Structure formats: structure tokens, C-alpha cells
Amino acid sequence: MKINMKEVDGKVVVTLDGEMDTTAAVEVEKVLSPLYSEQDKDIILDCAKLEYIASSGLRILLSILKGAKASGRSVVMRHVNEDIKDVFKLTGFINIFTFE
């Protein structure tokens, strides 16, 4: 799993590349944990290269969303493929995340 974070136009853009399985989720959480409390930037999660997400990965994304909403920020999921979107539909997360 590769993760790239950069600031673009005052937003944090996170590119997720590979499979966010249970093993990778531990490292993903370490890298993304600053986003739990980032106070002033909206977050864009670019999932164009995300091939798989396990329940542990969903938990991480939900934690990011909760932290962002608590401080008035937004989280947008971009370029989510249909397989990943199906996981969000099955879990009901499709209704709590914003997709572009």
C-alpha cells in the first residue's frame, strides 16, 4: 500500500494506491493519523488506485471523517471504483461519505 499526502489549493489530498487490507491498515493508520485532528484543511481521498479495502481500512476512513466533521471540515472520496463503492454500499458508508 502506497500513500501520498500533499497540500493542493488549501486542501490535503491523500492518494491511496494498492490494497488496504488488515496488514496494510496498521501502516495506513500511522501515516493518516494526523488527519484525525487536522484543524484547518478539508480532505480529499483519491482512490483511483485503491484496489481493495478491508473493514479495518473502513474504520480508519471513518475516524478521519469523524475528526473532520467535528472541526467543521469536509472529506471527499474521489475516483472510487465500483468494487470499492460496493463495499461502501454494503456497509452503509455510502450514505455518510461524499463521493465525486
PDB file of N, CA and C in Angstrom:
ATOM      1  N   MET A   1       0.849  -1.176   0.000  1.00  0.00           N
ATOM      2  CA  MET A   1       0.000   0.000   0.000  1.00  0.00           C
ATOM      3  C   MET A   1       0.890   1.232   0.000  1.00  0.00           C
ATOM      4  N   LYS A   2       0.644   2.112  -0.957  1.00  0.00           N
ATOM      5  CA  LYS A   2       1.380   3.374  -1.022  1.00  0.00           C
ATOM      6  C   LYS A   2       0.421   4.508  -0.708  1.00  0.00           C
ATOM      7  N   ILE A   3       0.929   5.476   0.047  1.00  0.00           N
ATOM      8  CA  ILE A   3       0.122   6.634   0.434  1.00  0.00           C
ATOM      9  C   ILE A   3       0.928   7.882   0.141  1.00  0.00           C
ATOM     10  N   ASN A   4       0.290   8.836  -0.491  1.00  0.00           N
ATOM     11  CA  ASN A   4       0.933  10.115  -0.748  1.00  0.00           C
ATOM     12  C   ASN A   4       0.013  11.210  -0.233  1.00  0.00           C
ATOM     13  N   MET A   5       0.567  12.108   0.580  1.00  0.00           N
ATOM     14  CA  MET A   5      -0.206  13.253   1.087  1.00  0.00           C
ATOM     15  C   MET A   5       0.468  14.527   0.618  1.00  0.00           C
ATOM     16  N   LYS A   6      -0.353  15.434   0.090  1.00  0.00           N
ATOM     17  CA  LYS A   6       0.173  16.741  -0.289  1.00  0.00           C
ATOM     18  C   LYS A   6      -0.928  17.774  -0.148  1.00  0.00           C
ATOM     19  N   GLU A   7      -0.521  19.024  -0.054  1.00  0.00           N
ATOM     20  CA  GLU A   7      -1.491  20.109   0.035  1.00  0.00           C
ATOM     21  C   GLU A   7      -1.686  20.701  -1.352  1.00  0.00           C
ATOM     22  N   VAL A   8      -2.950  20.825  -1.746  1.00  0.00           N
ATOM     23  CA  VAL A   8      -3.303  21.412  -3.033  1.00  0.00           C
ATOM     24  C   VAL A   8      -4.457  22.377  -2.802  1.00  0.00           C
ATOM     25  N   ASP A   9      -4.258  23.632  -3.147  1.00  0.00           N
ATOM     26  CA  ASP A   9      -5.301  24.650  -3.010  1.00  0.00           C
ATOM     27  C   ASP A   9      -5.902  24.687  -1.603  1.00  0.00           C
ATOM     28  N   GLY A  10      -5.057  24.559  -0.586  1.00  0.00           N
ATOM     29  CA  GLY A  10      -5.524  24.648   0.795  1.00  0.00           C
ATOM     30  C   GLY A  10      -6.233  23.410   1.312  1.00  0.00           C
ATOM     31  N   LYS A  11      -6.165  22.316   0.555  1.00  0.00           N
ATOM     32  CA  LYS A  11      -6.768  21.049   0.975  1.00  0.00           C
ATOM     33  C   LYS A  11      -5.688  19.986   1.043  1.00  0.00           C
ATOM     34  N   VAL A  12      -5.907  18.994   1.894  1.00  0.00           N
ATOM     35  CA  VAL A  12      -4.997  17.859   1.966  1.00  0.00           C
ATOM     36  C   VAL A  12      -5.519  16.796   1.001  1.00  0.00           C
ATOM     37  N   VAL A  13      -4.685  16.432   0.030  1.00  0.00           N
ATOM     38  CA  VAL A  13      -5.046  15.392  -0.933  1.00  0.00           C
ATOM     39  C   VAL A  13      -4.244  14.142  -0.591  1.00  0.00           C
ATOM     40  N   VAL A  14      -4.962  13.062  -0.315  1.00  0.00           N
ATOM     41  CA  VAL A  14      -4.337  11.790   0.033  1.00  0.00           C
ATOM     42  C   VAL A  14      -4.611  10.813  -1.106  1.00  0.00           C
ATOM     43  N   THR A  15      -3.534  10.298  -1.699  1.00  0.00           N
ATOM     44  CA  THR A  15      -3.663   9.305  -2.760  1.00  0.00           C
ATOM     45  C   THR A  15      -3.395   7.931  -2.161  1.00  0.00           C
ATOM     46  N   LEU A  16      -4.365   7.043  -2.318  1.00  0.00           N
ATOM     47  CA  LEU A  16      -4.261   5.674  -1.810  1.00  0.00           C
ATOM     48  C   LEU A  16      -4.017   4.749  -2.988  1.00  0.00           C
ATOM     49  N   ASP A  17      -2.957   3.962  -2.929  1.00  0.00           N
ATOM     50  CA  ASP A  17      -2.543   3.127  -4.051  1.00  0.00           C
ATOM     51  C   ASP A  17      -2.274   1.709  -3.558  1.00  0.00           C
ATOM     52  N   GLY A  18      -3.077   0.757  -4.014  1.00  0.00           N
ATOM     53  CA  GLY A  18      -2.866  -0.638  -3.639  1.00  0.00           C
ATOM     54  C   GLY A  18      -4.035  -1.210  -2.871  1.00  0.00           C
ATOM     55  N   GLU A  19      -3.731  -2.163  -1.995  1.00  0.00           N
ATOM     56  CA  GLU A  19      -4.755  -2.850  -1.216  1.00  0.00           C
ATOM     57  C   GLU A  19      -4.657  -2.447   0.248  1.00  0.00           C
ATOM     58  N   MET A  20      -5.759  -1.928   0.793  1.00  0.00           N
ATOM     59  CA  MET A  20      -5.801  -1.571   2.206  1.00  0.00           C
ATOM     60  C   MET A  20      -6.401  -2.755   2.967  1.00  0.00           C
ATOM     61  N   ASP A  21      -5.587  -3.814   3.049  1.00  0.00           N
ATOM     62  CA  ASP A  21      -6.020  -4.994   3.796  1.00  0.00           C
ATOM     63  C   ASP A  21      -5.676  -4.799   5.269  1.00  0.00           C
ATOM     64  N   THR A  22      -5.945  -5.796   6.069  1.00  0.00           N
ATOM     65  CA  THR A  22      -5.750  -5.683   7.514  1.00  0.00           C
ATOM     66  C   THR A  22      -4.294  -5.390   7.867  1.00  0.00           C
ATOM     67  N   THR A  23      -3.365  -6.037   7.178  1.00  0.00           N
ATOM     68  CA  THR A  23      -1.944  -5.814   7.444  1.00  0.00           C
ATOM     69  C   THR A  23      -1.536  -4.393   7.078  1.00  0.00           C
ATOM     70  N   ALA A  24      -1.939  -3.925   5.919  1.00  0.00           N
ATOM     71  CA  ALA A  24      -1.583  -2.583   5.457  1.00  0.00           C
ATOM     72  C   ALA A  24      -2.254  -1.505   6.296  1.00  0.00           C
ATOM     73  N   ALA A  25      -3.409  -1.810   6.867  1.00  0.00           N
ATOM     74  CA  ALA A  25      -4.174  -0.817   7.622  1.00  0.00           C
ATOM     75  C   ALA A  25      -3.383  -0.269   8.814  1.00  0.00           C
ATOM     76  N   VAL A  26      -2.525  -1.080   9.400  1.00  0.00           N
ATOM     77  CA  VAL A  26      -1.710  -0.630  10.538  1.00  0.00           C
ATOM     78  C   VAL A  26      -0.800   0.510  10.093  1.00  0.00           C
ATOM     79  N   GLU A  27      -0.132   0.338   8.972  1.00  0.00           N
ATOM     80  CA  GLU A  27       0.762   1.373   8.458  1.00  0.00           C
ATOM     81  C   GLU A  27      -0.043   2.576   7.953  1.00  0.00           C
ATOM     82  N   VAL A  28      -1.154   2.311   7.304  1.00  0.00           N
ATOM     83  CA  VAL A  28      -2.007   3.395   6.804  1.00  0.00           C
ATOM     84  C   VAL A  28      -2.463   4.276   7.962  1.00  0.00           C
ATOM     85  N   GLU A  29      -2.847   3.653   9.059  1.00  0.00           N
ATOM     86  CA  GLU A  29      -3.312   4.419  10.217  1.00  0.00           C
ATOM     87  C   GLU A  29      -2.207   5.321  10.771  1.00  0.00           C
ATOM     88  N   LYS A  30      -0.974   4.811  10.824  1.00  0.00           N
ATOM     89  CA  LYS A  30       0.144   5.624  11.294  1.00  0.00           C
ATOM     90  C   LYS A  30       0.339   6.850  10.406  1.00  0.00           C
ATOM     91  N   VAL A  31       0.299   6.636   9.101  1.00  0.00           N
ATOM     92  CA  VAL A  31       0.541   7.722   8.156  1.00  0.00           C
ATOM     93  C   VAL A  31      -0.600   8.735   8.180  1.00  0.00           C
ATOM     94  N   LEU A  32      -1.836   8.242   8.262  1.00  0.00           N
ATOM     95  CA  LEU A  32      -3.000   9.127   8.173  1.00  0.00           C
ATOM     96  C   LEU A  32      -3.475   9.679   9.513  1.00  0.00           C
ATOM     97  N   SER A  33      -2.916   9.219  10.620  1.00  0.00           N
ATOM     98  CA  SER A  33      -3.395   9.670  11.925  1.00  0.00           C
ATOM     99  C   SER A  33      -3.374  11.187  12.118  1.00  0.00           C
ATOM    100  N   PRO A  34      -2.436  11.934  11.509  1.00  0.00           N
ATOM    101  CA  PRO A  34      -2.523  13.399  11.659  1.00  0.00           C
ATOM    102  C   PRO A  34      -3.830  13.981  11.108  1.00  0.00           C
ATOM    103  N   LEU A  35      -4.458  13.284  10.184  1.00  0.00           N
ATOM    104  CA  LEU A  35      -5.711  13.788   9.613  1.00  0.00           C
ATOM    105  C   LEU A  35      -6.872  13.702  10.602  1.00  0.00           C
ATOM    106  N   TYR A  36      -6.729  12.896  11.659  1.00  0.00           N
ATOM    107  CA  TYR A  36      -7.790  12.783  12.651  1.00  0.00           C
ATOM    108  C   TYR A  36      -8.033  14.112  13.342  1.00  0.00           C
ATOM    109  N   SER A  37      -6.949  14.888  13.484  1.00  0.00           N
ATOM    110  CA  SER A  37      -7.087  16.131  14.239  1.00  0.00           C
ATOM    111  C   SER A  37      -6.654  17.367  13.456  1.00  0.00           C
ATOM    112  N   GLU A  38      -6.363  17.234  12.185  1.00  0.00           N
ATOM    113  CA  GLU A  38      -6.012  18.389  11.345  1.00  0.00           C
ATOM    114  C   GLU A  38      -7.140  19.401  11.454  1.00  0.00           C
ATOM    115  N   GLN A  39      -6.813  20.608  11.848  1.00  0.00           N
ATOM    116  CA  GLN A  39      -7.861  21.550  12.232  1.00  0.00           C
ATOM    117  C   GLN A  39      -8.346  22.492  11.139  1.00  0.00           C
ATOM    118  N   ASP A  40      -7.594  22.672  10.062  1.00  0.00           N
ATOM    119  CA  ASP A  40      -7.985  23.749   9.169  1.00  0.00           C
ATOM    120  C   ASP A  40      -8.062  23.391   7.685  1.00  0.00           C
ATOM    121  N   LYS A  41      -7.923  22.138   7.325  1.00  0.00           N
ATOM    122  CA  LYS A  41      -7.932  21.801   5.908  1.00  0.00           C
ATOM    123  C   LYS A  41      -8.955  20.704   5.600  1.00  0.00           C
ATOM    124  N   ASP A  42      -9.712  20.918   4.523  1.00  0.00           N
ATOM    125  CA  ASP A  42     -10.587  19.862   4.030  1.00  0.00           C
ATOM    126  C   ASP A  42      -9.707  18.747   3.468  1.00  0.00           C
ATOM    127  N   ILE A  43     -10.275  17.556   3.353  1.00  0.00           N
ATOM    128  CA  ILE A  43      -9.509  16.374   2.954  1.00  0.00           C
ATOM    129  C   ILE A  43     -10.131  15.754   1.711  1.00  0.00           C
ATOM    130  N   ILE A  44      -9.283  15.435   0.757  1.00  0.00           N
ATOM    131  CA  ILE A  44      -9.705  14.709  -0.437  1.00  0.00           C
ATOM    132  C   ILE A  44      -8.969  13.376  -0.434  1.00  0.00           C
ATOM    133  N   LEU A  45      -9.722  12.288  -0.494  1.00  0.00           N
ATOM    134  CA  LEU A  45      -9.135  10.952  -0.565  1.00  0.00           C
ATOM    135  C   LEU A  45      -9.260  10.462  -2.001  1.00  0.00           C
ATOM    136  N   ASP A  46      -8.140  10.419  -2.704  1.00  0.00           N
ATOM    137  CA  ASP A  46      -8.125   9.980  -4.104  1.00  0.00           C
ATOM    138  C   ASP A  46      -7.922   8.470  -4.139  1.00  0.00           C
ATOM    139  N   CYS A  47      -8.953   7.772  -4.560  1.00  0.00           N
ATOM    140  CA  CYS A  47      -8.961   6.305  -4.522  1.00  0.00           C
ATOM    141  C   CYS A  47      -8.817   5.685  -5.908  1.00  0.00           C
ATOM    142  N   ALA A  48      -8.313   6.439  -6.880  1.00  0.00           N
ATOM    143  CA  ALA A  48      -8.203   5.940  -8.251  1.00  0.00           C
ATOM    144  C   ALA A  48      -7.394   4.645  -8.329  1.00  0.00           C
ATOM    145  N   LYS A  49      -6.404   4.498  -7.455  1.00  0.00           N
ATOM    146  CA  LYS A  49      -5.548   3.308  -7.492  1.00  0.00           C
ATOM    147  C   LYS A  49      -5.786   2.370  -6.321  1.00  0.00           C
ATOM    148  N   LEU A  50      -6.843   2.634  -5.543  1.00  0.00           N
ATOM    149  CA  LEU A  50      -7.186   1.741  -4.439  1.00  0.00           C
ATOM    150  C   LEU A  50      -7.898   0.519  -5.003  1.00  0.00           C
ATOM    151  N   GLU A  51      -7.331  -0.661  -4.755  1.00  0.00           N
ATOM    152  CA  GLU A  51      -7.844  -1.892  -5.353  1.00  0.00           C
ATOM    153  C   GLU A  51      -8.736  -2.696  -4.403  1.00  0.00           C
ATOM    154  N   TYR A  52      -8.546  -2.511  -3.102  1.00  0.00           N
ATOM    155  CA  TYR A  52      -9.270  -3.320  -2.116  1.00  0.00           C
ATOM    156  C   TYR A  52      -9.265  -2.568  -0.793  1.00  0.00           C
ATOM    157  N   ILE A  53     -10.349  -2.714  -0.022  1.00  0.00           N
ATOM    158  CA  ILE A  53     -10.380  -2.135   1.318  1.00  0.00           C
ATOM    159  C   ILE A  53     -11.045  -3.123   2.270  1.00  0.00           C
ATOM    160  N   ALA A  54     -10.365  -3.397   3.383  1.00  0.00           N
ATOM    161  CA  ALA A  54     -10.886  -4.292   4.413  1.00  0.00           C
ATOM    162  C   ALA A  54     -11.636  -3.459   5.449  1.00  0.00           C
ATOM    163  N   SER A  55     -12.315  -4.119   6.354  1.00  0.00           N
ATOM    164  CA  SER A  55     -13.079  -3.414   7.387  1.00  0.00           C
ATOM    165  C   SER A  55     -12.175  -2.521   8.235  1.00  0.00           C
ATOM    166  N   SER A  56     -10.937  -2.930   8.450  1.00  0.00           N
ATOM    167  CA  SER A  56     -10.013  -2.092   9.216  1.00  0.00           C
ATOM    168  C   SER A  56      -9.705  -0.800   8.465  1.00  0.00           C
ATOM    169  N   GLY A  57      -9.670  -0.846   7.145  1.00  0.00           N
ATOM    170  CA  GLY A  57      -9.480   0.358   6.348  1.00  0.00           C
ATOM    171  C   GLY A  57     -10.689   1.269   6.410  1.00  0.00           C
ATOM    172  N   LEU A  58     -11.868   0.681   6.404  1.00  0.00           N
ATOM    173  CA  LEU A  58     -13.100   1.474   6.545  1.00  0.00           C
ATOM    174  C   LEU A  58     -13.121   2.205   7.882  1.00  0.00           C
ATOM    175  N   ARG A  59     -12.659   1.530   8.928  1.00  0.00           N
ATOM    176  CA  ARG A  59     -12.611   2.141  10.259  1.00  0.00           C
ATOM    177  C   ARG A  59     -11.701   3.364  10.256  1.00  0.00           C
ATOM    178  N   ILE A  60     -10.561   3.265   9.583  1.00  0.00           N
ATOM    179  CA  ILE A  60      -9.629   4.390   9.501  1.00  0.00           C
ATOM    180  C   ILE A  60     -10.276   5.572   8.785  1.00  0.00           C
ATOM    181  N   LEU A  61     -10.924   5.293   7.658  1.00  0.00           N
ATOM    182  CA  LEU A  61     -11.583   6.370   6.911  1.00  0.00           C
ATOM    183  C   LEU A  61     -12.706   7.004   7.721  1.00  0.00           C
ATOM    184  N   LEU A  62     -13.430   6.190   8.469  1.00  0.00           N
ATOM    185  CA  LEU A  62     -14.498   6.715   9.314  1.00  0.00           C
ATOM    186  C   LEU A  62     -13.930   7.612  10.415  1.00  0.00           C
ATOM    187  N   SER A  63     -12.801   7.233  10.985  1.00  0.00           N
ATOM    188  CA  SER A  63     -12.156   8.058  12.012  1.00  0.00           C
ATOM    189  C   SER A  63     -11.730   9.404  11.443  1.00  0.00           C
ATOM    190  N   ILE A  64     -11.210   9.401  10.230  1.00  0.00           N
ATOM    191  CA  ILE A  64     -10.829  10.651   9.568  1.00  0.00           C
ATOM    192  C   ILE A  64     -12.057  11.519   9.360  1.00  0.00           C
ATOM    193  N   LEU A  65     -13.149  10.914   8.899  1.00  0.00           N
ATOM    194  CA  LEU A  65     -14.388  11.653   8.655  1.00  0.00           C
ATOM    195  C   LEU A  65     -14.932  12.256   9.946  1.00  0.00           C
ATOM    196  N   LYS A  66     -14.957  11.484  11.016  1.00  0.00           N
ATOM    197  CA  LYS A  66     -15.466  11.986  12.299  1.00  0.00           C
ATOM    198  C   LYS A  66     -14.638  13.161  12.807  1.00  0.00           C
ATOM    199  N   GLY A  67     -13.322  13.042  12.713  1.00  0.00           N
ATOM    200  CA  GLY A  67     -12.455  14.126  13.156  1.00  0.00           C
ATOM    201  C   GLY A  67     -12.648  15.386  12.325  1.00  0.00           C
ATOM    202  N   ALA A  68     -12.808  15.204  11.027  1.00  0.00           N
ATOM    203  CA  ALA A  68     -13.007  16.345  10.136  1.00  0.00           C
ATOM    204  C   ALA A  68     -14.328  17.040  10.428  1.00  0.00           C
ATOM    205  N   LYS A  69     -15.392  16.267  10.541  1.00  0.00           N
ATOM    206  CA  LYS A  69     -16.713  16.858  10.793  1.00  0.00           C
ATOM    207  C   LYS A  69     -16.748  17.583  12.140  1.00  0.00           C
ATOM    208  N   ALA A  70     -16.047  17.041  13.130  1.00  0.00           N
ATOM    209  CA  ALA A  70     -16.036  17.659  14.461  1.00  0.00           C
ATOM    210  C   ALA A  70     -15.418  19.055  14.428  1.00  0.00           C
ATOM    211  N   SER A  71     -14.532  19.295  13.458  1.00  0.00           N
ATOM    212  CA  SER A  71     -13.902  20.608  13.362  1.00  0.00           C
ATOM    213  C   SER A  71     -14.397  21.405  12.146  1.00  0.00           C
ATOM    214  N   GLY A  72     -15.547  20.981  11.592  1.00  0.00           N
ATOM    215  CA  GLY A  72     -16.170  21.744  10.512  1.00  0.00           C
ATOM    216  C   GLY A  72     -15.521  21.573   9.155  1.00  0.00           C
ATOM    217  N   ARG A  73     -14.749  20.517   8.985  1.00  0.00           N
ATOM    218  CA  ARG A  73     -14.095  20.264   7.697  1.00  0.00           C
ATOM    219  C   ARG A  73     -14.856  19.202   6.919  1.00  0.00           C
ATOM    220  N   SER A  74     -14.510  19.052   5.656  1.00  0.00           N
ATOM    221  CA  SER A  74     -15.171  18.033   4.835  1.00  0.00           C
ATOM    222  C   SER A  74     -14.155  16.991   4.370  1.00  0.00           C
ATOM    223  N   VAL A  75     -14.690  15.823   4.042  1.00  0.00           N
ATOM    224  CA  VAL A  75     -13.900  14.744   3.451  1.00  0.00           C
ATOM    225  C   VAL A  75     -14.625  14.321   2.180  1.00  0.00           C
ATOM    226  N   VAL A  76     -13.891  14.291   1.076  1.00  0.00           N
ATOM    227  CA  VAL A  76     -14.465  13.899  -0.210  1.00  0.00           C
ATOM    228  C   VAL A  76     -13.691  12.697  -0.735  1.00  0.00           C
ATOM    229  N   MET A  77     -14.416  11.680  -1.167  1.00  0.00           N
ATOM    230  CA  MET A  77     -13.832  10.492  -1.786  1.00  0.00           C
ATOM    231  C   MET A  77     -13.883  10.707  -3.299  1.00  0.00           C
ATOM    232  N   ARG A  78     -12.734  10.595  -3.951  1.00  0.00           N
ATOM    233  CA  ARG A  78     -12.672  10.793  -5.401  1.00  0.00           C
ATOM    234  C   ARG A  78     -12.214   9.533  -6.107  1.00  0.00           C
ATOM    235  N   HIS A  79     -12.727   9.345  -7.308  1.00  0.00           N
ATOM    236  CA  HIS A  79     -12.285   8.283  -8.211  1.00  0.00           C
ATOM    237  C   HIS A  79     -12.400   6.885  -7.589  1.00  0.00           C
ATOM    238  N   VAL A  80     -13.481   6.636  -6.901  1.00  0.00           N
ATOM    239  CA  VAL A  80     -13.690   5.337  -6.256  1.00  0.00           C
ATOM    240  C   VAL A  80     -14.238   4.364  -7.290  1.00  0.00           C
ATOM    241  N   ASN A  81     -13.554   3.222  -7.451  1.00  0.00           N
ATOM    242  CA  ASN A  81     -14.033   2.250  -8.443  1.00  0.00           C
ATOM    243  C   ASN A  81     -15.296   1.541  -7.930  1.00  0.00           C
ATOM    244  N   GLU A  82     -15.960   0.859  -8.813  1.00  0.00           N
ATOM    245  CA  GLU A  82     -17.256   0.242  -8.480  1.00  0.00           C
ATOM    246  C   GLU A  82     -17.139  -0.842  -7.411  1.00  0.00           C
ATOM    247  N   ASP A  83     -16.049  -1.611  -7.406  1.00  0.00           N
ATOM    248  CA  ASP A  83     -15.880  -2.651  -6.387  1.00  0.00           C
ATOM    249  C   ASP A  83     -15.771  -2.039  -4.987  1.00  0.00           C
ATOM    250  N   ILE A  84     -14.985  -0.990  -4.868  1.00  0.00           N
ATOM    251  CA  ILE A  84     -14.836  -0.315  -3.576  1.00  0.00           C
ATOM    252  C   ILE A  84     -16.156   0.359  -3.202  1.00  0.00           C
ATOM    253  N   LYS A  85     -16.813   0.965  -4.176  1.00  0.00           N
ATOM    254  CA  LYS A  85     -18.094   1.621  -3.910  1.00  0.00           C
ATOM    255  C   LYS A  85     -19.125   0.606  -3.432  1.00  0.00           C
ATOM    256  N   ASP A  86     -19.069  -0.618  -3.948  1.00  0.00           N
ATOM    257  CA  ASP A  86     -19.975  -1.677  -3.490  1.00  0.00           C
ATOM    258  C   ASP A  86     -19.760  -1.989  -2.009  1.00  0.00           C
ATOM    259  N   VAL A  87     -18.505  -1.964  -1.562  1.00  0.00           N
ATOM    260  CA  VAL A  87     -18.212  -2.195  -0.147  1.00  0.00           C
ATOM    261  C   VAL A  87     -18.842  -1.078   0.693  1.00  0.00           C
ATOM    262  N   PHE A  88     -18.734   0.146   0.212  1.00  0.00           N
ATOM    263  CA  PHE A  88     -19.352   1.271   0.923  1.00  0.00           C
ATOM    264  C   PHE A  88     -20.875   1.124   0.949  1.00  0.00           C
ATOM    265  N   LYS A  89     -21.460   0.624  -0.128  1.00  0.00           N
ATOM    266  CA  LYS A  89     -22.913   0.411  -0.167  1.00  0.00           C
ATOM    267  C   LYS A  89     -23.331  -0.670   0.824  1.00  0.00           C
ATOM    268  N   LEU A  90     -22.590  -1.787   0.840  1.00  0.00           N
ATOM    269  CA  LEU A  90     -22.934  -2.904   1.718  1.00  0.00           C
ATOM    270  C   LEU A  90     -22.839  -2.531   3.193  1.00  0.00           C
ATOM    271  N   THR A  91     -21.921  -1.644   3.522  1.00  0.00           N
ATOM    272  CA  THR A  91     -21.720  -1.265   4.925  1.00  0.00           C
ATOM    273  C   THR A  91     -22.570  -0.062   5.342  1.00  0.00           C
ATOM    274  N   GLY A  92     -23.212   0.574   4.375  1.00  0.00           N
ATOM    275  CA  GLY A  92     -23.996   1.772   4.673  1.00  0.00           C
ATOM    276  C   GLY A  92     -23.162   3.038   4.695  1.00  0.00           C
ATOM    277  N   PHE A  93     -21.848   2.910   4.467  1.00  0.00           N
ATOM    278  CA  PHE A  93     -20.966   4.074   4.461  1.00  0.00           C
ATOM    279  C   PHE A  93     -21.225   4.978   3.251  1.00  0.00           C
ATOM    280  N   ILE A  94     -21.892   4.447   2.244  1.00  0.00           N
ATOM    281  CA  ILE A  94     -22.200   5.237   1.053  1.00  0.00           C
ATOM    282  C   ILE A  94     -23.024   6.478   1.417  1.00  0.00           C
ATOM    283  N   ASN A  95     -23.778   6.364   2.519  1.00  0.00           N
ATOM    284  CA  ASN A  95     -24.637   7.463   2.943  1.00  0.00           C
ATOM    285  C   ASN A  95     -23.956   8.493   3.818  1.00  0.00           C
ATOM    286  N   ILE A  96     -22.760   8.204   4.313  1.00  0.00           N
ATOM    287  CA  ILE A  96     -22.094   9.153   5.202  1.00  0.00           C
ATOM    288  C   ILE A  96     -20.891   9.831   4.586  1.00  0.00           C
ATOM    289  N   PHE A  97     -20.366   9.265   3.504  1.00  0.00           N
ATOM    290  CA  PHE A  97     -19.245   9.882   2.802  1.00  0.00           C
ATOM    291  C   PHE A  97     -19.754  10.631   1.576  1.00  0.00           C
ATOM    292  N   THR A  98     -18.988  11.620   1.137  1.00  0.00           N
ATOM    293  CA  THR A  98     -19.287  12.363  -0.076  1.00  0.00           C
ATOM    294  C   THR A  98     -18.382  11.825  -1.169  1.00  0.00           C
ATOM    295  N   PHE A  99     -18.968  11.496  -2.317  1.00  0.00           N
ATOM    296  CA  PHE A  99     -18.215  10.933  -3.439  1.00  0.00           C
ATOM    297  C   PHE A  99     -18.243  11.880  -4.631  1.00  0.00           C
ATOM    298  N   GLU A 100     -17.131  11.973  -5.309  1.00  0.00           N
ATOM    299  CA  GLU A 100     -17.034  12.739  -6.559  1.00  0.00           C
ATOM    300  C   GLU A 100     -16.556  11.831  -7.653  1.00  0.00           C
TER     301      GLU A 100
END
